[in-house]
Amino acid sequence: MPRCIALVAALNVTAFRMLHLGRICGVACRSSLLHLQKSGAIITALSAGLKRSTASIKNSDGSIVYLSPNRKLLLYAKTFSLFSSAVVLAVQPFLISKCSQSGAFIAAAVFGCGFGVVTPLLLHILTRSHVSEMYFDDSTGTYTAYTRGIFLNRKRIQFSAEEVVRMPPGLLMANLSVRGIPLFLSEADFIDVDAFKTLMAFDKPMQIKTK
């Protein structure tokens, strides 16, 4: 009998400890969930604040409405292409003067010169329509887009929504045209959705032509 009483007492103590441990785990889980919810709310607030602060950037062109995430990548790629081509072209006279007797080497030198000239030109043709950033001036209703030239110079293009012409997909990698200048803008990279709707004339009633 004493052994049974001791066993029952031990079971009761174990059950009490397990119940207490379960309560502790429940409190910890609720605390963790609450912490995660607070962290998510903080992250959401920070993201919204960052977007508002980006959209509030202004200069003489107006407020920024578009910012390409690939602008630095394209800048680095074009810089590397220009630098490598410059190095190839710079060493060609020296190499030709040293090995001018070899016909195979002369052919390789000509190929190197062609590579040095064609590569930056081809890269520029493929990426010249890429808009790195764009601003909108509410007072004048004008957009100002910036692209990169073949020598990495910033090209400023100012236009209104009435000058925008949509382009079908093609080799120029552009979806818009302004006075014959191809431009590529991604809807997902617009900071101001209203500016995108105005640019694409989505805020105007659709005109249906009937025969």
N, C-alpha and C. Protein backbone atom coordinates (compact mmCIF):
# COMPACT_ATOMS: atom_id res chain seq x y z
N MET A 1 0.81 -1.21 0.00
CA MET A 1 0.00 0.00 0.00
C MET A 1 0.85 1.27 0.00
N PRO A 2 1.86 1.40 0.85
CA PRO A 2 2.69 2.62 0.79
C PRO A 2 3.32 2.84 -0.57
N ARG A 3 3.71 1.70 -1.22
CA ARG A 3 4.30 1.86 -2.55
C ARG A 3 3.28 2.43 -3.55
N CYS A 4 2.03 1.97 -3.45
CA CYS A 4 0.99 2.49 -4.34
C CYS A 4 0.75 3.96 -4.11
N ILE A 5 0.73 4.33 -2.80
CA ILE A 5 0.54 5.75 -2.47
C ILE A 5 1.69 6.58 -3.02
N ALA A 6 2.91 6.07 -2.87
CA ALA A 6 4.08 6.80 -3.38
C ALA A 6 4.03 6.91 -4.89
N LEU A 7 3.59 5.82 -5.56
CA LEU A 7 3.50 5.84 -7.01
C LEU A 7 2.46 6.84 -7.48
N VAL A 8 1.29 6.87 -6.80
CA VAL A 8 0.24 7.83 -7.16
C VAL A 8 0.74 9.25 -6.94
N ALA A 9 1.45 9.46 -5.82
CA ALA A 9 1.97 10.79 -5.54
C ALA A 9 2.98 11.22 -6.60
N ALA A 10 3.84 10.26 -7.00
CA ALA A 10 4.82 10.57 -8.04
C ALA A 10 4.14 10.91 -9.36
N LEU A 11 3.08 10.15 -9.69
CA LEU A 11 2.34 10.43 -10.93
C LEU A 11 1.67 11.80 -10.87
N ASN A 12 1.13 12.13 -9.71
CA ASN A 12 0.50 13.44 -9.56
C ASN A 12 1.51 14.58 -9.73
N VAL A 13 2.69 14.38 -9.11
CA VAL A 13 3.74 15.40 -9.24
C VAL A 13 4.17 15.54 -10.69
N THR A 14 4.31 14.38 -11.39
CA THR A 14 4.71 14.42 -12.80
C THR A 14 3.66 15.10 -13.65
N ALA A 15 2.39 14.79 -13.40
CA ALA A 15 1.31 15.43 -14.15
C ALA A 15 1.28 16.92 -13.89
N PHE A 16 1.50 17.31 -12.62
CA PHE A 16 1.50 18.75 -12.30
C PHE A 16 2.64 19.46 -13.01
N ARG A 17 3.80 18.81 -13.03
CA ARG A 17 4.95 19.42 -13.71
C ARG A 17 4.70 19.55 -15.22
N MET A 18 4.08 18.49 -15.79
CA MET A 18 3.80 18.56 -17.23
C MET A 18 2.78 19.65 -17.53
N LEU A 19 1.77 19.78 -16.67
CA LEU A 19 0.78 20.83 -16.86
C LEU A 19 1.43 22.21 -16.74
N HIS A 20 2.31 22.37 -15.78
CA HIS A 20 3.01 23.65 -15.60
C HIS A 20 3.91 23.94 -16.80
N LEU A 21 4.59 22.88 -17.28
CA LEU A 21 5.45 23.06 -18.45
C LEU A 21 4.62 23.43 -19.69
N GLY A 22 3.43 22.79 -19.81
CA GLY A 22 2.56 23.13 -20.93
C GLY A 22 2.11 24.57 -20.87
N ARG A 23 1.80 25.06 -19.69
CA ARG A 23 1.41 26.47 -19.55
C ARG A 23 2.56 27.39 -19.94
N ILE A 24 3.77 27.04 -19.50
CA ILE A 24 4.94 27.85 -19.84
C ILE A 24 5.15 27.88 -21.35
N CYS A 25 5.03 26.70 -21.99
CA CYS A 25 5.20 26.64 -23.45
C CYS A 25 4.13 27.45 -24.17
N GLY A 26 2.90 27.35 -23.63
CA GLY A 26 1.83 28.14 -24.25
C GLY A 26 2.09 29.63 -24.16
N VAL A 27 2.54 30.08 -22.99
CA VAL A 27 2.86 31.49 -22.83
C VAL A 27 4.01 31.90 -23.74
N ALA A 28 5.01 31.02 -23.84
CA ALA A 28 6.17 31.33 -24.71
C ALA A 28 5.73 31.40 -26.17
N CYS A 29 4.86 30.47 -26.59
CA CYS A 29 4.39 30.48 -27.97
C CYS A 29 3.59 31.74 -28.27
N ARG A 30 2.69 32.10 -27.33
CA ARG A 30 1.92 33.32 -27.55
C ARG A 30 2.82 34.54 -27.58
N SER A 31 3.84 34.54 -26.73
CA SER A 31 4.79 35.67 -26.73
C SER A 31 5.56 35.74 -28.04
N SER A 32 5.97 34.56 -28.55
CA SER A 32 6.71 34.53 -29.82
C SER A 32 5.84 35.01 -30.98
N LEU A 33 4.58 34.54 -31.00
CA LEU A 33 3.67 34.98 -32.06
C LEU A 33 3.44 36.48 -32.00
N LEU A 34 3.26 37.00 -30.78
CA LEU A 34 3.07 38.44 -30.63
C LEU A 34 4.30 39.20 -31.09
N HIS A 35 5.48 38.66 -30.75
CA HIS A 35 6.73 39.30 -31.19
C HIS A 35 6.86 39.30 -32.71
N LEU A 36 6.48 38.16 -33.33
CA LEU A 36 6.53 38.08 -34.79
C LEU A 36 5.55 39.06 -35.43
N GLN A 37 4.36 39.18 -34.85
CA GLN A 37 3.39 40.13 -35.38
C GLN A 37 3.91 41.56 -35.28
N LYS A 38 4.51 41.88 -34.14
CA LYS A 38 5.07 43.22 -33.98
C LYS A 38 6.21 43.45 -34.96
N SER A 39 7.06 42.42 -35.14
CA SER A 39 8.18 42.55 -36.08
C SER A 39 7.67 42.75 -37.50
N GLY A 40 6.62 41.99 -37.88
CA GLY A 40 6.04 42.15 -39.21
C GLY A 40 5.46 43.53 -39.40
N ALA A 41 4.78 44.05 -38.35
CA ALA A 41 4.23 45.39 -38.45
C ALA A 41 5.33 46.43 -38.58
N ILE A 42 6.44 46.22 -37.84
CA ILE A 42 7.56 47.17 -37.93
C ILE A 42 8.18 47.15 -39.32
N ILE A 43 8.37 45.92 -39.88
CA ILE A 43 8.95 45.80 -41.22
C ILE A 43 8.05 46.45 -42.26
N THR A 44 6.73 46.21 -42.13
CA THR A 44 5.78 46.82 -43.07
C THR A 44 5.83 48.34 -42.98
N ALA A 45 5.89 48.85 -41.74
CA ALA A 45 5.95 50.30 -41.57
C ALA A 45 7.24 50.88 -42.14
N LEU A 46 8.36 50.16 -41.92
CA LEU A 46 9.63 50.63 -42.47
C LEU A 46 9.61 50.63 -43.99
N SER A 47 9.04 49.59 -44.59
CA SER A 47 8.96 49.52 -46.05
C SER A 47 8.11 50.66 -46.59
N ALA A 48 6.97 50.89 -45.94
CA ALA A 48 6.11 51.98 -46.40
C ALA A 48 6.80 53.33 -46.24
N GLY A 49 7.52 53.50 -45.11
CA GLY A 49 8.24 54.75 -44.90
C GLY A 49 9.34 54.94 -45.92
N LEU A 50 10.06 53.84 -46.26
CA LEU A 50 11.12 53.94 -47.26
C LEU A 50 10.56 54.31 -48.62
N LYS A 51 9.40 53.73 -48.96
CA LYS A 51 8.79 54.04 -50.24
C LYS A 51 8.33 55.50 -50.28
N ARG A 52 7.75 55.96 -49.15
CA ARG A 52 7.32 57.36 -49.11
C ARG A 52 8.52 58.30 -49.18
N SER A 53 9.61 57.94 -48.49
CA SER A 53 10.79 58.82 -48.53
C SER A 53 11.41 58.84 -49.91
N THR A 54 11.39 57.69 -50.63
CA THR A 54 11.91 57.65 -52.00
C THR A 54 11.04 58.49 -52.92
N ALA A 55 9.72 58.36 -52.73
CA ALA A 55 8.81 59.12 -53.58
C ALA A 55 8.88 60.61 -53.31
N SER A 56 9.35 60.99 -52.11
CA SER A 56 9.41 62.41 -51.78
C SER A 56 10.68 63.08 -52.28
N ILE A 57 11.57 62.32 -52.92
CA ILE A 57 12.79 62.91 -53.46
C ILE A 57 12.44 63.84 -54.61
N LYS A 58 12.86 65.07 -54.53
CA LYS A 58 12.55 66.05 -55.55
C LYS A 58 13.81 66.78 -55.98
N ASN A 59 13.79 67.26 -57.21
CA ASN A 59 14.84 68.14 -57.71
C ASN A 59 14.19 69.08 -58.71
N SER A 60 14.99 69.70 -59.54
CA SER A 60 14.44 70.65 -60.50
C SER A 60 13.53 69.99 -61.53
N ASP A 61 13.63 68.67 -61.70
CA ASP A 61 12.78 67.95 -62.65
C ASP A 61 11.45 67.52 -62.05
N GLY A 62 11.28 67.65 -60.75
CA GLY A 62 10.05 67.24 -60.09
C GLY A 62 10.29 66.12 -59.11
N SER A 63 9.26 65.32 -58.86
CA SER A 63 9.35 64.19 -57.92
C SER A 63 9.70 62.92 -58.69
N ILE A 64 10.51 62.08 -58.07
CA ILE A 64 10.90 60.84 -58.73
C ILE A 64 9.72 59.87 -58.72
N VAL A 65 9.42 59.29 -59.87
CA VAL A 65 8.30 58.37 -60.00
C VAL A 65 8.74 57.00 -60.51
N TYR A 66 9.98 56.89 -60.97
CA TYR A 66 10.47 55.62 -61.52
C TYR A 66 11.94 55.48 -61.20
N LEU A 67 12.33 54.28 -60.75
CA LEU A 67 13.73 54.00 -60.43
C LEU A 67 14.02 52.55 -60.79
N SER A 68 14.90 52.36 -61.75
CA SER A 68 15.21 51.01 -62.22
C SER A 68 16.16 50.31 -61.25
N PRO A 69 15.85 49.09 -60.85
CA PRO A 69 16.77 48.36 -59.97
C PRO A 69 18.02 47.86 -60.70
N ASN A 70 18.01 47.89 -62.03
CA ASN A 70 19.14 47.38 -62.81
C ASN A 70 20.06 48.50 -63.31
N ARG A 71 19.87 49.71 -62.84
CA ARG A 71 20.64 50.84 -63.36
C ARG A 71 22.13 50.70 -63.05
N LYS A 72 22.47 50.24 -61.84
CA LYS A 72 23.88 50.08 -61.48
C LYS A 72 24.51 48.90 -62.21
N LEU A 73 23.74 47.82 -62.38
CA LEU A 73 24.26 46.66 -63.08
C LEU A 73 24.60 47.00 -64.53
N LEU A 74 23.73 47.73 -65.21
CA LEU A 74 24.00 48.13 -66.59
C LEU A 74 25.17 49.11 -66.65
N LEU A 75 25.25 49.99 -65.67
CA LEU A 75 26.37 50.93 -65.65
C LEU A 75 27.70 50.20 -65.49
N TYR A 76 27.75 49.21 -64.61
CA TYR A 76 28.98 48.44 -64.41
C TYR A 76 29.32 47.64 -65.67
N ALA A 77 28.29 47.06 -66.30
CA ALA A 77 28.54 46.26 -67.51
C ALA A 77 29.08 47.13 -68.64
N LYS A 78 28.52 48.30 -68.84
CA LYS A 78 28.99 49.19 -69.91
C LYS A 78 30.38 49.74 -69.58
N THR A 79 30.62 50.01 -68.29
CA THR A 79 31.95 50.49 -67.89
C THR A 79 33.01 49.43 -68.16
N PHE A 80 32.72 48.19 -67.79
CA PHE A 80 33.67 47.10 -68.03
C PHE A 80 33.90 46.90 -69.52
N SER A 81 32.82 46.98 -70.30
CA SER A 81 32.95 46.80 -71.75
C SER A 81 33.83 47.89 -72.36
N LEU A 82 33.61 49.13 -71.95
CA LEU A 82 34.43 50.23 -72.48
C LEU A 82 35.89 50.09 -72.04
N PHE A 83 36.10 49.72 -70.78
CA PHE A 83 37.47 49.60 -70.28
C PHE A 83 38.22 48.47 -70.99
N SER A 84 37.57 47.31 -71.13
CA SER A 84 38.24 46.19 -71.80
C SER A 84 38.51 46.51 -73.27
N SER A 85 37.57 47.18 -73.92
CA SER A 85 37.77 47.54 -75.32
C SER A 85 38.90 48.57 -75.46
N ALA A 86 38.98 49.49 -74.54
CA ALA A 86 40.05 50.48 -74.58
C ALA A 86 41.43 49.82 -74.41
N VAL A 87 41.49 48.84 -73.51
CA VAL A 87 42.76 48.13 -73.30
C VAL A 87 43.15 47.35 -74.56
N VAL A 88 42.17 46.66 -75.17
CA VAL A 88 42.45 45.88 -76.38
C VAL A 88 42.94 46.78 -77.50
N LEU A 89 42.28 47.92 -77.70
CA LEU A 89 42.67 48.83 -78.77
C LEU A 89 44.02 49.51 -78.48
N ALA A 90 44.30 49.75 -77.20
CA ALA A 90 45.54 50.44 -76.85
C ALA A 90 46.77 49.58 -77.10
N VAL A 91 46.66 48.27 -76.92
CA VAL A 91 47.83 47.40 -77.07
C VAL A 91 48.02 46.92 -78.51
N GLN A 92 47.04 47.17 -79.39
CA GLN A 92 47.16 46.68 -80.76
C GLN A 92 48.36 47.25 -81.51
N PRO A 93 48.62 48.56 -81.49
CA PRO A 93 49.80 49.07 -82.22
C PRO A 93 51.12 48.47 -81.74
N PHE A 94 51.24 48.31 -80.43
CA PHE A 94 52.47 47.74 -79.89
C PHE A 94 52.65 46.28 -80.34
N LEU A 95 51.56 45.51 -80.28
CA LEU A 95 51.66 44.11 -80.67
C LEU A 95 51.91 43.95 -82.17
N ILE A 96 51.28 44.80 -82.96
CA ILE A 96 51.47 44.72 -84.42
C ILE A 96 52.91 45.07 -84.79
N SER A 97 53.48 46.05 -84.11
CA SER A 97 54.86 46.44 -84.41
C SER A 97 55.87 45.36 -84.03
N LYS A 98 55.53 44.57 -83.03
CA LYS A 98 56.44 43.52 -82.59
C LYS A 98 56.29 42.23 -83.39
N CYS A 99 55.09 41.96 -83.86
CA CYS A 99 54.84 40.69 -84.55
C CYS A 99 54.19 40.93 -85.91
N SER A 100 54.69 41.90 -86.64
CA SER A 100 54.05 42.25 -87.91
C SER A 100 54.36 41.24 -89.01
N GLN A 101 55.31 40.32 -88.78
CA GLN A 101 55.67 39.36 -89.82
C GLN A 101 54.72 38.17 -89.87
N SER A 102 53.95 37.96 -88.84
CA SER A 102 53.05 36.81 -88.78
C SER A 102 51.67 37.18 -89.32
N GLY A 103 51.26 36.45 -90.39
CA GLY A 103 49.95 36.72 -90.97
C GLY A 103 48.82 36.34 -90.03
N ALA A 104 48.99 35.25 -89.29
CA ALA A 104 47.96 34.82 -88.35
C ALA A 104 47.78 35.84 -87.23
N PHE A 105 48.90 36.41 -86.81
CA PHE A 105 48.81 37.40 -85.74
C PHE A 105 48.11 38.66 -86.22
N ILE A 106 48.39 39.06 -87.46
CA ILE A 106 47.74 40.25 -88.01
C ILE A 106 46.23 40.03 -88.07
N ALA A 107 45.82 38.83 -88.47
CA ALA A 107 44.38 38.52 -88.50
C ALA A 107 43.78 38.57 -87.10
N ALA A 108 44.54 38.06 -86.13
CA ALA A 108 44.05 38.11 -84.75
C ALA A 108 43.97 39.55 -84.25
N ALA A 109 44.93 40.40 -84.68
CA ALA A 109 44.90 41.80 -84.27
C ALA A 109 43.70 42.52 -84.87
N VAL A 110 43.41 42.22 -86.13
CA VAL A 110 42.23 42.83 -86.76
C VAL A 110 40.96 42.39 -86.05
N PHE A 111 40.89 41.11 -85.70
CA PHE A 111 39.74 40.61 -84.96
C PHE A 111 39.62 41.29 -83.60
N GLY A 112 40.76 41.51 -82.94
CA GLY A 112 40.73 42.19 -81.64
C GLY A 112 40.24 43.62 -81.77
N CYS A 113 40.67 44.31 -82.82
CA CYS A 113 40.20 45.68 -83.04
C CYS A 113 38.69 45.70 -83.29
N GLY A 114 38.25 44.75 -84.11
CA GLY A 114 36.81 44.68 -84.36
C GLY A 114 36.01 44.37 -83.10
N PHE A 115 36.55 43.48 -82.29
CA PHE A 115 35.89 43.13 -81.04
C PHE A 115 35.84 44.35 -80.11
N GLY A 116 36.93 45.10 -80.06
CA GLY A 116 36.98 46.26 -79.18
C GLY A 116 36.01 47.35 -79.59
N VAL A 117 35.69 47.44 -80.86
CA VAL A 117 34.77 48.47 -81.33
C VAL A 117 33.33 47.99 -81.30
N VAL A 118 33.10 46.75 -81.71
CA VAL A 118 31.73 46.26 -81.87
C VAL A 118 31.06 45.98 -80.52
N THR A 119 31.81 45.46 -79.55
CA THR A 119 31.20 45.06 -78.28
C THR A 119 30.53 46.23 -77.54
N PRO A 120 31.20 47.35 -77.30
CA PRO A 120 30.49 48.46 -76.64
C PRO A 120 29.35 49.01 -77.47
N LEU A 121 29.53 49.02 -78.80
CA LEU A 121 28.47 49.53 -79.66
C LEU A 121 27.23 48.63 -79.60
N LEU A 122 27.43 47.33 -79.64
CA LEU A 122 26.31 46.40 -79.57
C LEU A 122 25.61 46.48 -78.21
N LEU A 123 26.39 46.57 -77.15
CA LEU A 123 25.80 46.69 -75.81
C LEU A 123 25.00 47.98 -75.67
N HIS A 124 25.51 49.05 -76.28
CA HIS A 124 24.78 50.31 -76.22
C HIS A 124 23.47 50.23 -77.00
N ILE A 125 23.48 49.59 -78.15
CA ILE A 125 22.26 49.46 -78.96
C ILE A 125 21.19 48.67 -78.18
N LEU A 126 21.63 47.65 -77.46
CA LEU A 126 20.68 46.82 -76.73
C LEU A 126 20.14 47.49 -75.48
N THR A 127 20.91 48.41 -74.89
CA THR A 127 20.51 49.00 -73.60
C THR A 127 20.26 50.50 -73.66
N ARG A 128 20.30 51.10 -74.83
CA ARG A 128 20.15 52.56 -74.91
C ARG A 128 18.75 53.02 -74.52
N SER A 129 17.76 52.13 -74.63
CA SER A 129 16.39 52.51 -74.29
C SER A 129 16.10 52.36 -72.80
N HIS A 130 17.03 51.78 -72.04
CA HIS A 130 16.78 51.53 -70.62
C HIS A 130 16.77 52.85 -69.85
N VAL A 131 15.65 53.13 -69.18
CA VAL A 131 15.50 54.34 -68.37
C VAL A 131 15.96 54.02 -66.95
N SER A 132 16.96 54.75 -66.48
CA SER A 132 17.47 54.50 -65.13
C SER A 132 16.60 55.16 -64.07
N GLU A 133 16.09 56.34 -64.36
CA GLU A 133 15.22 57.04 -63.42
C GLU A 133 14.36 58.05 -64.18
N MET A 134 13.22 58.39 -63.58
CA MET A 134 12.32 59.33 -64.24
C MET A 134 11.61 60.17 -63.19
N TYR A 135 11.40 61.43 -63.53
CA TYR A 135 10.77 62.39 -62.63
C TYR A 135 9.51 62.94 -63.30
N PHE A 136 8.60 63.42 -62.45
CA PHE A 136 7.36 64.01 -62.95
C PHE A 136 7.13 65.33 -62.23
N ASP A 137 6.86 66.37 -63.01
CA ASP A 137 6.59 67.70 -62.47
C ASP A 137 5.09 67.95 -62.54
N ASP A 138 4.46 68.04 -61.36
CA ASP A 138 3.01 68.23 -61.31
C ASP A 138 2.59 69.58 -61.89
N SER A 139 3.41 70.58 -61.69
CA SER A 139 3.01 71.93 -62.12
C SER A 139 2.98 72.08 -63.64
N THR A 140 3.86 71.39 -64.33
CA THR A 140 3.91 71.49 -65.79
C THR A 140 3.39 70.25 -66.50
N GLY A 141 3.22 69.14 -65.76
CA GLY A 141 2.75 67.90 -66.37
C GLY A 141 3.77 67.24 -67.29
N THR A 142 5.05 67.48 -67.03
CA THR A 142 6.11 66.94 -67.89
C THR A 142 6.89 65.85 -67.15
N TYR A 143 7.33 64.88 -67.92
CA TYR A 143 8.19 63.80 -67.43
C TYR A 143 9.62 64.06 -67.87
N THR A 144 10.57 63.65 -67.05
CA THR A 144 11.99 63.77 -67.38
C THR A 144 12.65 62.42 -67.13
N ALA A 145 13.07 61.79 -68.21
CA ALA A 145 13.69 60.46 -68.12
C ALA A 145 15.19 60.59 -68.38
N TYR A 146 15.96 59.69 -67.76
CA TYR A 146 17.41 59.69 -67.91
C TYR A 146 17.86 58.32 -68.41
N THR A 147 18.68 58.34 -69.43
CA THR A 147 19.30 57.13 -69.98
C THR A 147 20.81 57.33 -70.03
N ARG A 148 21.51 56.30 -70.49
CA ARG A 148 22.97 56.35 -70.58
C ARG A 148 23.40 56.31 -72.04
N GLY A 149 24.36 57.17 -72.39
CA GLY A 149 24.92 57.17 -73.73
C GLY A 149 26.00 56.11 -73.87
N ILE A 150 26.59 56.03 -75.03
CA ILE A 150 27.59 55.01 -75.29
C ILE A 150 28.85 55.23 -74.45
N PHE A 151 29.13 56.50 -74.07
CA PHE A 151 30.29 56.80 -73.23
C PHE A 151 29.87 57.08 -71.79
N LEU A 152 28.76 56.48 -71.37
CA LEU A 152 28.26 56.52 -70.00
C LEU A 152 27.73 57.89 -69.59
N ASN A 153 27.58 58.81 -70.54
CA ASN A 153 27.03 60.11 -70.22
C ASN A 153 25.52 60.02 -70.01
N ARG A 154 25.00 60.80 -69.07
CA ARG A 154 23.58 60.82 -68.78
C ARG A 154 22.84 61.66 -69.83
N LYS A 155 21.83 61.06 -70.42
CA LYS A 155 21.03 61.74 -71.44
C LYS A 155 19.67 62.08 -70.85
N ARG A 156 19.29 63.34 -70.94
CA ARG A 156 18.04 63.84 -70.35
C ARG A 156 16.98 63.99 -71.44
N ILE A 157 15.84 63.35 -71.22
CA ILE A 157 14.75 63.39 -72.19
C ILE A 157 13.51 63.92 -71.47
N GLN A 158 13.03 65.07 -71.90
CA GLN A 158 11.85 65.68 -71.28
C GLN A 158 10.68 65.61 -72.26
N PHE A 159 9.53 65.20 -71.76
CA PHE A 159 8.38 65.01 -72.64
C PHE A 159 7.10 65.07 -71.82
N SER A 160 5.99 65.08 -72.53
CA SER A 160 4.66 65.04 -71.90
C SER A 160 3.99 63.72 -72.24
N ALA A 161 2.90 63.43 -71.55
CA ALA A 161 2.20 62.16 -71.77
C ALA A 161 1.62 62.08 -73.18
N GLU A 162 1.30 63.23 -73.78
CA GLU A 162 0.74 63.23 -75.12
C GLU A 162 1.75 62.82 -76.18
N GLU A 163 3.04 62.90 -75.87
CA GLU A 163 4.08 62.55 -76.84
C GLU A 163 4.46 61.07 -76.79
N VAL A 164 3.89 60.34 -75.86
CA VAL A 164 4.25 58.94 -75.69
C VAL A 164 3.50 58.07 -76.69
N VAL A 165 4.23 57.20 -77.36
CA VAL A 165 3.66 56.25 -78.31
C VAL A 165 4.07 54.85 -77.87
N ARG A 166 3.11 53.97 -77.73
CA ARG A 166 3.42 52.60 -77.35
C ARG A 166 4.05 51.86 -78.53
N MET A 167 5.01 51.00 -78.18
CA MET A 167 5.72 50.23 -79.20
C MET A 167 5.50 48.74 -78.98
N PRO A 168 5.34 47.98 -80.04
CA PRO A 168 5.24 46.52 -79.90
C PRO A 168 6.61 45.94 -79.55
N PRO A 169 6.65 44.75 -78.97
CA PRO A 169 7.95 44.12 -78.64
C PRO A 169 8.79 43.93 -79.90
N GLY A 170 10.10 44.25 -79.76
CA GLY A 170 11.01 44.12 -80.90
C GLY A 170 12.44 44.00 -80.45
N LEU A 171 13.34 44.17 -81.40
CA LEU A 171 14.77 44.03 -81.10
C LEU A 171 15.32 45.20 -80.30
N LEU A 172 14.63 46.33 -80.28
CA LEU A 172 15.13 47.51 -79.59
C LEU A 172 14.94 47.42 -78.08
N MET A 173 14.21 46.41 -77.59
CA MET A 173 13.96 46.25 -76.16
C MET A 173 13.35 47.52 -75.58
N ALA A 174 12.30 48.02 -76.21
CA ALA A 174 11.61 49.22 -75.77
C ALA A 174 10.11 49.00 -75.88
N ASN A 175 9.38 49.61 -74.97
CA ASN A 175 7.93 49.51 -75.02
C ASN A 175 7.25 50.87 -75.22
N LEU A 176 8.07 51.94 -75.25
CA LEU A 176 7.55 53.29 -75.48
C LEU A 176 8.46 54.02 -76.45
N SER A 177 7.90 55.05 -77.06
CA SER A 177 8.68 55.90 -77.95
C SER A 177 8.26 57.34 -77.73
N VAL A 178 9.26 58.22 -77.62
CA VAL A 178 9.01 59.65 -77.44
C VAL A 178 9.79 60.40 -78.50
N ARG A 179 9.08 61.00 -79.43
CA ARG A 179 9.70 61.73 -80.55
C ARG A 179 10.72 60.86 -81.28
N GLY A 180 10.39 59.59 -81.45
CA GLY A 180 11.27 58.67 -82.14
C GLY A 180 12.36 58.06 -81.28
N ILE A 181 12.42 58.43 -80.01
CA ILE A 181 13.43 57.89 -79.09
C ILE A 181 12.84 56.69 -78.35
N PRO A 182 13.39 55.49 -78.49
CA PRO A 182 12.85 54.32 -77.80
C PRO A 182 13.18 54.36 -76.30
N LEU A 183 12.20 53.99 -75.49
CA LEU A 183 12.38 53.94 -74.05
C LEU A 183 11.79 52.65 -73.51
N PHE A 184 12.44 52.13 -72.47
CA PHE A 184 11.92 50.93 -71.81
C PHE A 184 11.63 51.27 -70.35
N LEU A 185 10.37 51.06 -69.95
CA LEU A 185 9.93 51.30 -68.58
C LEU A 185 9.16 50.06 -68.10
N SER A 186 9.51 49.59 -66.91
CA SER A 186 8.83 48.44 -66.32
C SER A 186 7.78 48.93 -65.33
N GLU A 187 6.57 48.43 -65.48
CA GLU A 187 5.48 48.86 -64.60
C GLU A 187 5.78 48.55 -63.14
N ALA A 188 6.46 47.43 -62.88
CA ALA A 188 6.74 47.01 -61.51
C ALA A 188 7.71 47.94 -60.80
N ASP A 189 8.49 48.73 -61.54
CA ASP A 189 9.50 49.59 -60.94
C ASP A 189 9.01 51.02 -60.74
N PHE A 190 7.75 51.29 -61.02
CA PHE A 190 7.21 52.62 -60.80
C PHE A 190 6.96 52.82 -59.31
N ILE A 191 7.40 53.95 -58.80
CA ILE A 191 7.16 54.31 -57.41
C ILE A 191 5.78 54.92 -57.25
N ASP A 192 5.40 55.72 -58.23
CA ASP A 192 4.09 56.39 -58.23
C ASP A 192 3.21 55.73 -59.28
N VAL A 193 2.20 54.98 -58.84
CA VAL A 193 1.32 54.27 -59.78
C VAL A 193 0.48 55.25 -60.58
N ASP A 194 0.08 56.36 -59.96
CA ASP A 194 -0.74 57.35 -60.66
C ASP A 194 0.04 57.97 -61.83
N ALA A 195 1.34 58.18 -61.63
CA ALA A 195 2.15 58.72 -62.72
C ALA A 195 2.24 57.73 -63.88
N PHE A 196 2.28 56.44 -63.57
CA PHE A 196 2.29 55.42 -64.62
C PHE A 196 0.98 55.42 -65.39
N LYS A 197 -0.15 55.53 -64.68
CA LYS A 197 -1.45 55.56 -65.34
C LYS A 197 -1.58 56.78 -66.24
N THR A 198 -1.08 57.92 -65.77
CA THR A 198 -1.13 59.13 -66.59
C THR A 198 -0.24 59.00 -67.81
N LEU A 199 0.93 58.39 -67.63
CA LEU A 199 1.86 58.22 -68.74
C LEU A 199 1.29 57.32 -69.82
N MET A 200 0.62 56.26 -69.41
CA MET A 200 0.06 55.30 -70.36
C MET A 200 -1.36 55.66 -70.78
N ALA A 201 -1.86 56.83 -70.30
CA ALA A 201 -3.20 57.31 -70.65
C ALA A 201 -4.29 56.36 -70.14
N PHE A 202 -4.02 55.68 -69.02
CA PHE A 202 -5.03 54.81 -68.44
C PHE A 202 -6.10 55.60 -67.70
N ASP A 203 -5.80 56.88 -67.40
CA ASP A 203 -6.77 57.71 -66.70
C ASP A 203 -7.77 58.38 -67.64
N LYS A 204 -7.63 58.13 -68.93
CA LYS A 204 -8.53 58.71 -69.91
C LYS A 204 -9.51 57.65 -70.41
N PRO A 205 -10.70 58.06 -70.81
CA PRO A 205 -11.67 57.08 -71.30
C PRO A 205 -11.19 56.42 -72.58
N MET A 206 -11.48 55.14 -72.71
CA MET A 206 -11.06 54.38 -73.88
C MET A 206 -11.90 54.79 -75.09
N GLN A 207 -11.22 55.03 -76.19
CA GLN A 207 -11.89 55.39 -77.42
C GLN A 207 -12.00 54.16 -78.31
N ILE A 208 -13.22 53.80 -78.64
CA ILE A 208 -13.46 52.63 -79.48
C ILE A 208 -13.87 53.12 -80.86
N LYS A 209 -13.10 52.71 -81.85
CA LYS A 209 -13.39 53.09 -83.22
C LYS A 209 -14.36 52.10 -83.83
N THR A 210 -15.37 52.63 -84.46
CA THR A 210 -16.36 51.79 -85.14
C THR A 210 -16.37 52.11 -86.62
N LYS A 211 -16.61 51.12 -87.41
CA LYS A 211 -16.63 51.31 -88.85
C LYS A 211 -17.96 51.93 -89.28
